[in-house]
Amino acid sequence: MSAALTPAAPRDASGGMMGLRARIADAARFMWRPTPGGAPLAWGRALVLALLAVFAFDMALDTLVVAATDLLDSQMPFLPAEIAEETTLAEDLFGYLLLAPVLEELVYRGWLTGRVAALRFAIYGFAAVGLFTASVFLPASLETPLSLAGVGVAFAGLIHWSLTRDRDTAVPGWFTRHFRWFVWGSALLFGLMHLGNYEALTHPLGVLVVLPQTIGGLLLAYTRTRLGLGAAMFHHAAYNAVFLAGDYGLLW
């Protein structure tokens, strides 16, 4: 049995289009209790303003969380060090501003519409992520075969989705009923995936190092379901751009 997600234009209590403060409050409520979205906003001024509001909220929360964890870490060191990698500016721009926003949004949030074709693609996507992750932890001789297999699975999923996206549009009832768990689970997995950017944990609290990414995953889910997949990719790229600028000393 399936159920369609009921389209609902983003409006405030007065029936008008949602203002910036109302948008931030709506995003906060979503983090606490995710609910399915309706038809996303069309590209235009309203969408840009909504995206700016959610992005500003994301950055504010991130700043508070980083400050709090750094304060705790100064009293009792537990945060792992970030793994330093030798990359060029061109590689970072491509990886952080294009590759990661597109691929990660497709895998972790592209399917939050709940449509059968999208859910099927999610299975392919998470299988590919599993292969990529295994390539890091298994013997080096398996790294290339597993990585190539991951790429193959991802492309197979993309092709399968493109062939069925217009046909398999039903939304299963179980997805709608358990939507919040899918959002919370995907955000947690998205956060934990970023542990690969750090040295091995030496303390259980070290997992808090990826709390900003987990919170970001929740807000990206809001952006994806209320503003659209393209907006979520822009949100993700803008977030990465801020921290990339910081890494290159462009913010001070």
C-alpha atoms as a PDB file:
ATOM      1  CA  MET A   1       0.000   0.000   0.000  1.00  0.00           C
ATOM      2  CA  SER A   2       1.334   3.446  -0.808  1.00  0.00           C
ATOM      3  CA  ALA A   3       0.532   7.004   0.143  1.00  0.00           C
ATOM      4  CA  ALA A   4       1.445  10.222  -1.563  1.00  0.00           C
ATOM      5  CA  LEU A   5       3.187  12.954   0.386  1.00  0.00           C
ATOM      6  CA  THR A   6       0.692  15.793   0.631  1.00  0.00           C
ATOM      7  CA  PRO A   7       1.987  18.938  -1.112  1.00  0.00           C
ATOM      8  CA  ALA A   8       2.031  21.899   1.213  1.00  0.00           C
ATOM      9  CA  ALA A   9       3.275  25.336   0.315  1.00  0.00           C
ATOM     10  CA  PRO A  10       5.598  26.811   2.956  1.00  0.00           C
ATOM     11  CA  ARG A  11       3.334  29.283   4.724  1.00  0.00           C
ATOM     12  CA  ASP A  12       3.206  30.806   8.173  1.00  0.00           C
ATOM     13  CA  ALA A  13       0.266  30.796  10.574  1.00  0.00           C
ATOM     14  CA  SER A  14      -1.290  33.809   8.906  1.00  0.00           C
ATOM     15  CA  GLY A  15      -1.433  32.040   5.561  1.00  0.00           C
ATOM     16  CA  GLY A  16       1.274  34.173   3.934  1.00  0.00           C
ATOM     17  CA  MET A  17       4.587  33.011   2.577  1.00  0.00           C
ATOM     18  CA  MET A  18       6.948  31.980   5.366  1.00  0.00           C
ATOM     19  CA  GLY A  19       9.193  34.770   6.673  1.00  0.00           C
ATOM     20  CA  LEU A  20      12.846  34.320   7.614  1.00  0.00           C
ATOM     21  CA  ARG A  21      12.289  33.860  11.359  1.00  0.00           C
ATOM     22  CA  ALA A  22       9.391  31.519  10.676  1.00  0.00           C
ATOM     23  CA  ARG A  23      11.605  29.582   8.274  1.00  0.00           C
ATOM     24  CA  ILE A  24      14.312  29.139  10.917  1.00  0.00           C
ATOM     25  CA  ALA A  25      11.703  28.075  13.486  1.00  0.00           C
ATOM     26  CA  ASP A  26      10.302  25.590  10.978  1.00  0.00           C
ATOM     27  CA  ALA A  27      13.790  24.166  10.386  1.00  0.00           C
ATOM     28  CA  ALA A  28      14.324  23.829  14.141  1.00  0.00           C
ATOM     29  CA  ARG A  29      11.026  21.967  14.508  1.00  0.00           C
ATOM     30  CA  PHE A  30      12.048  19.680  11.653  1.00  0.00           C
ATOM     31  CA  MET A  31      15.274  18.766  13.446  1.00  0.00           C
ATOM     32  CA  TRP A  32      13.285  17.823  16.531  1.00  0.00           C
ATOM     33  CA  ARG A  33      10.514  15.995  14.658  1.00  0.00           C
ATOM     34  CA  PRO A  34      11.125  15.541  10.916  1.00  0.00           C
ATOM     35  CA  THR A  35       7.996  15.470   8.785  1.00  0.00           C
ATOM     36  CA  PRO A  36       7.656  14.827   5.032  1.00  0.00           C
ATOM     37  CA  GLY A  37       7.621  17.863   2.775  1.00  0.00           C
ATOM     38  CA  GLY A  38       5.308  18.721  -0.039  1.00  0.00           C
ATOM     39  CA  ALA A  39       6.127  20.390  -3.337  1.00  0.00           C
ATOM     40  CA  PRO A  40       9.404  22.324  -2.922  1.00  0.00           C
ATOM     41  CA  LEU A  41       9.617  26.015  -3.655  1.00  0.00           C
ATOM     42  CA  ALA A  42      10.258  26.968  -7.249  1.00  0.00           C
ATOM     43  CA  TRP A  43      13.563  28.659  -7.997  1.00  0.00           C
ATOM     44  CA  GLY A  44      13.254  32.370  -7.374  1.00  0.00           C
ATOM     45  CA  ARG A  45      13.625  35.070  -4.746  1.00  0.00           C
ATOM     46  CA  ALA A  46      11.563  33.224  -2.122  1.00  0.00           C
ATOM     47  CA  LEU A  47      13.701  30.112  -2.437  1.00  0.00           C
ATOM     48  CA  VAL A  48      16.974  32.072  -2.272  1.00  0.00           C
ATOM     49  CA  LEU A  49      15.860  33.897   0.878  1.00  0.00           C
ATOM     50  CA  ALA A  50      14.702  30.646   2.471  1.00  0.00           C
ATOM     51  CA  LEU A  51      18.000  28.977   1.589  1.00  0.00           C
ATOM     52  CA  LEU A  52      19.977  31.875   3.081  1.00  0.00           C
ATOM     53  CA  ALA A  53      17.952  31.647   6.297  1.00  0.00           C
ATOM     54  CA  VAL A  54      18.499  27.908   6.699  1.00  0.00           C
ATOM     55  CA  PHE A  55      22.189  28.226   5.815  1.00  0.00           C
ATOM     56  CA  ALA A  56      22.679  31.024   8.372  1.00  0.00           C
ATOM     57  CA  PHE A  57      20.929  28.860  10.996  1.00  0.00           C
ATOM     58  CA  ASP A  58      23.209  25.948  10.096  1.00  0.00           C
ATOM     59  CA  MET A  59      26.347  28.082  10.432  1.00  0.00           C
ATOM     60  CA  ALA A  60      25.179  29.548  13.759  1.00  0.00           C
ATOM     61  CA  LEU A  61      24.513  26.101  15.228  1.00  0.00           C
ATOM     62  CA  ASP A  62      27.834  24.848  13.881  1.00  0.00           C
ATOM     63  CA  THR A  63      29.703  27.748  15.506  1.00  0.00           C
ATOM     64  CA  LEU A  64      28.034  27.094  18.871  1.00  0.00           C
ATOM     65  CA  VAL A  65      28.699  23.346  18.746  1.00  0.00           C
ATOM     66  CA  VAL A  66      32.355  23.785  17.759  1.00  0.00           C
ATOM     67  CA  ALA A  67      32.875  26.369  20.519  1.00  0.00           C
ATOM     68  CA  ALA A  68      31.267  24.078  23.122  1.00  0.00           C
ATOM     69  CA  THR A  69      33.239  20.987  22.114  1.00  0.00           C
ATOM     70  CA  ASP A  70      36.491  22.957  21.942  1.00  0.00           C
ATOM     71  CA  LEU A  71      35.830  24.263  25.456  1.00  0.00           C
ATOM     72  CA  LEU A  72      35.250  20.739  26.763  1.00  0.00           C
ATOM     73  CA  ASP A  73      38.300  19.491  24.909  1.00  0.00           C
ATOM     74  CA  SER A  74      40.463  22.161  26.541  1.00  0.00           C
ATOM     75  CA  GLN A  75      39.482  20.794  29.961  1.00  0.00           C
ATOM     76  CA  MET A  76      39.778  17.112  29.076  1.00  0.00           C
ATOM     77  CA  PRO A  77      41.311  16.426  25.647  1.00  0.00           C
ATOM     78  CA  PHE A  78      39.249  13.934  23.696  1.00  0.00           C
ATOM     79  CA  LEU A  79      38.847  15.297  20.161  1.00  0.00           C
ATOM     80  CA  PRO A  80      40.846  13.446  17.486  1.00  0.00           C
ATOM     81  CA  ALA A  81      43.212  15.362  15.222  1.00  0.00           C
ATOM     82  CA  GLU A  82      42.206  15.986  11.641  1.00  0.00           C
ATOM     83  CA  ILE A  83      44.125  13.950   9.071  1.00  0.00           C
ATOM     84  CA  ALA A  84      46.293  16.256   6.989  1.00  0.00           C
ATOM     85  CA  GLU A  85      46.271  15.534   3.263  1.00  0.00           C
ATOM     86  CA  GLU A  86      48.452  17.008   0.552  1.00  0.00           C
ATOM     87  CA  THR A  87      46.027  18.414  -1.996  1.00  0.00           C
ATOM     88  CA  THR A  88      46.037  21.310  -4.413  1.00  0.00           C
ATOM     89  CA  LEU A  89      43.542  24.160  -4.417  1.00  0.00           C
ATOM     90  CA  ALA A  90      42.075  22.850  -7.673  1.00  0.00           C
ATOM     91  CA  GLU A  91      41.549  19.394  -6.152  1.00  0.00           C
ATOM     92  CA  ASP A  92      39.910  20.894  -3.064  1.00  0.00           C
ATOM     93  CA  LEU A  93      37.619  23.118  -5.116  1.00  0.00           C
ATOM     94  CA  PHE A  94      36.495  20.178  -7.236  1.00  0.00           C
ATOM     95  CA  GLY A  95      36.088  17.789  -4.317  1.00  0.00           C
ATOM     96  CA  TYR A  96      34.467  20.112  -1.782  1.00  0.00           C
ATOM     97  CA  LEU A  97      32.381  22.356  -3.999  1.00  0.00           C
ATOM     98  CA  LEU A  98      31.253  19.950  -6.716  1.00  0.00           C
ATOM     99  CA  LEU A  99      31.897  16.255  -6.132  1.00  0.00           C
ATOM    100  CA  ALA A 100      30.928  15.977  -2.452  1.00  0.00           C
ATOM    101  CA  PRO A 101      27.785  18.163  -2.607  1.00  0.00           C
ATOM    102  CA  VAL A 102      26.416  16.326  -5.629  1.00  0.00           C
ATOM    103  CA  LEU A 103      27.249  12.745  -4.680  1.00  0.00           C
ATOM    104  CA  GLU A 104      26.561  13.021  -0.962  1.00  0.00           C
ATOM    105  CA  GLU A 105      23.233  14.758  -1.438  1.00  0.00           C
ATOM    106  CA  LEU A 106      22.167  12.134  -3.968  1.00  0.00           C
ATOM    107  CA  VAL A 107      23.128   9.267  -1.650  1.00  0.00           C
ATOM    108  CA  TYR A 108      22.141  10.605   1.766  1.00  0.00           C
ATOM    109  CA  ARG A 109      19.122  12.765   0.943  1.00  0.00           C
ATOM    110  CA  GLY A 110      18.137  12.448  -2.696  1.00  0.00           C
ATOM    111  CA  TRP A 111      15.655   9.702  -1.818  1.00  0.00           C
ATOM    112  CA  LEU A 112      13.810  11.613   0.930  1.00  0.00           C
ATOM    113  CA  THR A 113      10.897  12.159  -1.447  1.00  0.00           C
ATOM    114  CA  GLY A 114      10.078   8.541  -0.620  1.00  0.00           C
ATOM    115  CA  ARG A 115       9.280   7.624  -4.210  1.00  0.00           C
ATOM    116  CA  VAL A 116       9.995   3.984  -4.996  1.00  0.00           C
ATOM    117  CA  ALA A 117      12.508   4.791  -7.743  1.00  0.00           C
ATOM    118  CA  ALA A 118      14.407   7.100  -5.377  1.00  0.00           C
ATOM    119  CA  LEU A 119      14.375   4.550  -2.552  1.00  0.00           C
ATOM    120  CA  ARG A 120      15.740   1.943  -4.940  1.00  0.00           C
ATOM    121  CA  PHE A 121      18.544   4.323  -5.898  1.00  0.00           C
ATOM    122  CA  ALA A 122      19.322   4.776  -2.179  1.00  0.00           C
ATOM    123  CA  ILE A 123      19.998   1.038  -1.905  1.00  0.00           C
ATOM    124  CA  TYR A 124      22.507   1.291  -4.731  1.00  0.00           C
ATOM    125  CA  GLY A 125      24.022   4.423  -3.192  1.00  0.00           C
ATOM    126  CA  PHE A 126      24.534   2.998   0.272  1.00  0.00           C
ATOM    127  CA  ALA A 127      25.927  -0.201  -1.227  1.00  0.00           C
ATOM    128  CA  ALA A 128      28.476   1.933  -3.090  1.00  0.00           C
ATOM    129  CA  VAL A 129      29.345   3.790   0.120  1.00  0.00           C
ATOM    130  CA  GLY A 130      29.846   0.430   1.827  1.00  0.00           C
ATOM    131  CA  LEU A 131      32.281  -0.651  -0.888  1.00  0.00           C
ATOM    132  CA  PHE A 132      34.204   2.632  -0.688  1.00  0.00           C
ATOM    133  CA  THR A 133      34.402   2.332   3.101  1.00  0.00           C
ATOM    134  CA  ALA A 134      35.583  -1.274   2.888  1.00  0.00           C
ATOM    135  CA  SER A 135      38.327  -0.214   0.467  1.00  0.00           C
ATOM    136  CA  VAL A 136      39.793   1.972   3.225  1.00  0.00           C
ATOM    137  CA  PHE A 137      39.900  -0.666   5.941  1.00  0.00           C
ATOM    138  CA  LEU A 138      40.662  -3.834   3.989  1.00  0.00           C
ATOM    139  CA  PRO A 139      44.117  -4.744   2.588  1.00  0.00           C
ATOM    140  CA  ALA A 140      45.574  -2.272   0.104  1.00  0.00           C
ATOM    141  CA  SER A 141      45.433  -4.860  -2.673  1.00  0.00           C
ATOM    142  CA  LEU A 142      41.626  -4.656  -2.529  1.00  0.00           C
ATOM    143  CA  GLU A 143      41.394  -0.867  -2.577  1.00  0.00           C
ATOM    144  CA  THR A 144      41.233  -0.419  -6.346  1.00  0.00           C
ATOM    145  CA  PRO A 145      38.836  -3.328  -7.071  1.00  0.00           C
ATOM    146  CA  LEU A 146      36.461  -2.262  -4.293  1.00  0.00           C
ATOM    147  CA  SER A 147      36.560   1.384  -5.349  1.00  0.00           C
ATOM    148  CA  LEU A 148      35.832   0.467  -8.958  1.00  0.00           C
ATOM    149  CA  ALA A 149      33.018  -1.799  -7.810  1.00  0.00           C
ATOM    150  CA  GLY A 150      31.586   1.107  -5.814  1.00  0.00           C
ATOM    151  CA  VAL A 151      31.663   3.350  -8.865  1.00  0.00           C
ATOM    152  CA  GLY A 152      30.004   0.624 -10.942  1.00  0.00           C
ATOM    153  CA  VAL A 153      27.223   0.127  -8.393  1.00  0.00           C
ATOM    154  CA  ALA A 154      26.604   3.879  -8.187  1.00  0.00           C
ATOM    155  CA  PHE A 155      26.351   4.215 -11.973  1.00  0.00           C
ATOM    156  CA  ALA A 156      24.081   1.160 -12.185  1.00  0.00           C
ATOM    157  CA  GLY A 157      21.809   2.770  -9.612  1.00  0.00           C
ATOM    158  CA  LEU A 158      21.785   6.054 -11.500  1.00  0.00           C
ATOM    159  CA  ILE A 159      20.850   4.310 -14.740  1.00  0.00           C
ATOM    160  CA  HIS A 160      18.137   2.242 -13.038  1.00  0.00           C
ATOM    161  CA  TRP A 161      16.712   5.381 -11.429  1.00  0.00           C
ATOM    162  CA  SER A 162      16.703   7.316 -14.717  1.00  0.00           C
ATOM    163  CA  LEU A 163      14.768   4.508 -16.413  1.00  0.00           C
ATOM    164  CA  THR A 164      12.132   4.211 -13.679  1.00  0.00           C
ATOM    165  CA  ARG A 165      11.823   7.701 -12.157  1.00  0.00           C
ATOM    166  CA  ASP A 166       8.721   8.575 -14.183  1.00  0.00           C
ATOM    167  CA  ARG A 167       7.091   5.206 -13.601  1.00  0.00           C
ATOM    168  CA  ASP A 168       7.788   4.297  -9.958  1.00  0.00           C
ATOM    169  CA  THR A 169       6.509   7.464  -8.275  1.00  0.00           C
ATOM    170  CA  ALA A 170       4.418   5.907  -5.499  1.00  0.00           C
ATOM    171  CA  VAL A 171       5.456   6.615  -1.904  1.00  0.00           C
ATOM    172  CA  PRO A 172       5.158   3.555   0.375  1.00  0.00           C
ATOM    173  CA  GLY A 173       3.046   4.074   3.474  1.00  0.00           C
ATOM    174  CA  TRP A 174       5.793   2.687   5.700  1.00  0.00           C
ATOM    175  CA  PHE A 175       8.144   5.410   4.488  1.00  0.00           C
ATOM    176  CA  THR A 176       5.725   8.177   5.417  1.00  0.00           C
ATOM    177  CA  ARG A 177       5.000   6.621   8.822  1.00  0.00           C
ATOM    178  CA  HIS A 178       8.667   6.231   9.714  1.00  0.00           C
ATOM    179  CA  PHE A 179       9.978   9.292   7.899  1.00  0.00           C
ATOM    180  CA  ARG A 180      11.603  10.802  11.006  1.00  0.00           C
ATOM    181  CA  TRP A 181      13.702   7.699  11.560  1.00  0.00           C
ATOM    182  CA  PHE A 182      14.985   7.806   7.996  1.00  0.00           C
ATOM    183  CA  VAL A 183      15.988  11.450   8.440  1.00  0.00           C
ATOM    184  CA  TRP A 184      17.632  10.911  11.818  1.00  0.00           C
ATOM    185  CA  GLY A 185      19.370   7.744  10.630  1.00  0.00           C
ATOM    186  CA  SER A 186      20.697   9.276   7.433  1.00  0.00           C
ATOM    187  CA  ALA A 187      21.942  12.363   9.324  1.00  0.00           C
ATOM    188  CA  LEU A 188      23.722  10.185  11.885  1.00  0.00           C
ATOM    189  CA  LEU A 189      25.296   8.060   9.160  1.00  0.00           C
ATOM    190  CA  PHE A 190      26.314  11.208   7.290  1.00  0.00           C
ATOM    191  CA  GLY A 191      28.019  12.517  10.411  1.00  0.00           C
ATOM    192  CA  LEU A 192      29.774   9.257  11.271  1.00  0.00           C
ATOM    193  CA  MET A 193      31.039   8.962   7.702  1.00  0.00           C
ATOM    194  CA  HIS A 194      33.130  12.077   8.354  1.00  0.00           C
ATOM    195  CA  LEU A 195      35.082  10.282  11.085  1.00  0.00           C
ATOM    196  CA  GLY A 196      37.259   9.141   8.188  1.00  0.00           C
ATOM    197  CA  ASN A 197      38.654  12.687   8.112  1.00  0.00           C
ATOM    198  CA  TYR A 198      40.161  12.273  11.587  1.00  0.00           C
ATOM    199  CA  GLU A 199      42.670  10.135  13.420  1.00  0.00           C
ATOM    200  CA  ALA A 200      41.388   7.084  15.301  1.00  0.00           C
ATOM    201  CA  LEU A 201      39.295   7.892  18.371  1.00  0.00           C
ATOM    202  CA  THR A 202      41.022   7.568  21.737  1.00  0.00           C
ATOM    203  CA  HIS A 203      37.977   8.516  23.837  1.00  0.00           C
ATOM    204  CA  PRO A 204      34.239   7.807  23.380  1.00  0.00           C
ATOM    205  CA  LEU A 205      33.493  11.541  23.434  1.00  0.00           C
ATOM    206  CA  GLY A 206      35.727  11.938  20.419  1.00  0.00           C
ATOM    207  CA  VAL A 207      32.708  11.115  18.268  1.00  0.00           C
ATOM    208  CA  LEU A 208      31.472  14.634  19.044  1.00  0.00           C
ATOM    209  CA  VAL A 209      33.972  15.890  16.476  1.00  0.00           C
ATOM    210  CA  VAL A 210      31.388  15.072  13.793  1.00  0.00           C
ATOM    211  CA  LEU A 211      28.428  16.588  15.641  1.00  0.00           C
ATOM    212  CA  PRO A 212      28.478  19.647  13.326  1.00  0.00           C
ATOM    213  CA  GLN A 213      28.190  17.381  10.276  1.00  0.00           C
ATOM    214  CA  THR A 214      25.352  15.425  11.911  1.00  0.00           C
ATOM    215  CA  ILE A 215      23.437  18.620  12.638  1.00  0.00           C
ATOM    216  CA  GLY A 216      24.241  19.756   9.117  1.00  0.00           C
ATOM    217  CA  GLY A 217      22.763  16.503   7.812  1.00  0.00           C
ATOM    218  CA  LEU A 218      19.472  17.275   9.548  1.00  0.00           C
ATOM    219  CA  LEU A 219      19.307  20.771   8.088  1.00  0.00           C
ATOM    220  CA  LEU A 220      20.309  19.515   4.654  1.00  0.00           C
ATOM    221  CA  ALA A 221      17.389  17.081   4.907  1.00  0.00           C
ATOM    222  CA  TYR A 222      15.131  20.050   5.639  1.00  0.00           C
ATOM    223  CA  THR A 223      16.534  21.948   2.655  1.00  0.00           C
ATOM    224  CA  ARG A 224      16.124  18.922   0.418  1.00  0.00           C
ATOM    225  CA  THR A 225      12.498  18.259   1.383  1.00  0.00           C
ATOM    226  CA  ARG A 226      11.333  21.890   1.525  1.00  0.00           C
ATOM    227  CA  LEU A 227      13.468  23.631  -1.092  1.00  0.00           C
ATOM    228  CA  GLY A 228      14.554  20.800  -3.395  1.00  0.00           C
ATOM    229  CA  LEU A 229      17.581  18.654  -4.171  1.00  0.00           C
ATOM    230  CA  GLY A 230      19.362  21.406  -6.106  1.00  0.00           C
ATOM    231  CA  ALA A 231      18.997  23.756  -3.125  1.00  0.00           C
ATOM    232  CA  ALA A 232      20.451  21.081  -0.829  1.00  0.00           C
ATOM    233  CA  MET A 233      23.471  20.773  -3.121  1.00  0.00           C
ATOM    234  CA  PHE A 234      23.950  24.559  -3.022  1.00  0.00           C
ATOM    235  CA  HIS A 235      23.584  24.521   0.786  1.00  0.00           C
ATOM    236  CA  HIS A 236      26.169  21.750   1.059  1.00  0.00           C
ATOM    237  CA  ALA A 237      28.605  23.475  -1.319  1.00  0.00           C
ATOM    238  CA  ALA A 238      28.258  26.809   0.513  1.00  0.00           C
ATOM    239  CA  TYR A 239      28.961  25.101   3.857  1.00  0.00           C
ATOM    240  CA  ASN A 240      32.077  23.462   2.434  1.00  0.00           C
ATOM    241  CA  ALA A 241      33.157  26.746   0.831  1.00  0.00           C
ATOM    242  CA  VAL A 242      33.163  28.542   4.190  1.00  0.00           C
ATOM    243  CA  PHE A 243      35.449  25.992   5.801  1.00  0.00           C
ATOM    244  CA  LEU A 244      37.615  25.642   2.727  1.00  0.00           C
ATOM    245  CA  ALA A 245      38.107  29.410   2.813  1.00  0.00           C
ATOM    246  CA  GLY A 246      39.072  29.081   6.469  1.00  0.00           C
ATOM    247  CA  ASP A 247      41.605  26.356   5.692  1.00  0.00           C
ATOM    248  CA  TYR A 248      43.232  28.613   3.104  1.00  0.00           C
ATOM    249  CA  GLY A 249      43.247  31.597   5.434  1.00  0.00           C
ATOM    250  CA  LEU A 250      40.772  33.643   3.449  1.00  0.00           C
ATOM    251  CA  LEU A 251      38.482  34.504   6.372  1.00  0.00           C
ATOM    252  CA  TRP A 252      40.993  36.347   8.519  1.00  0.00           C
END
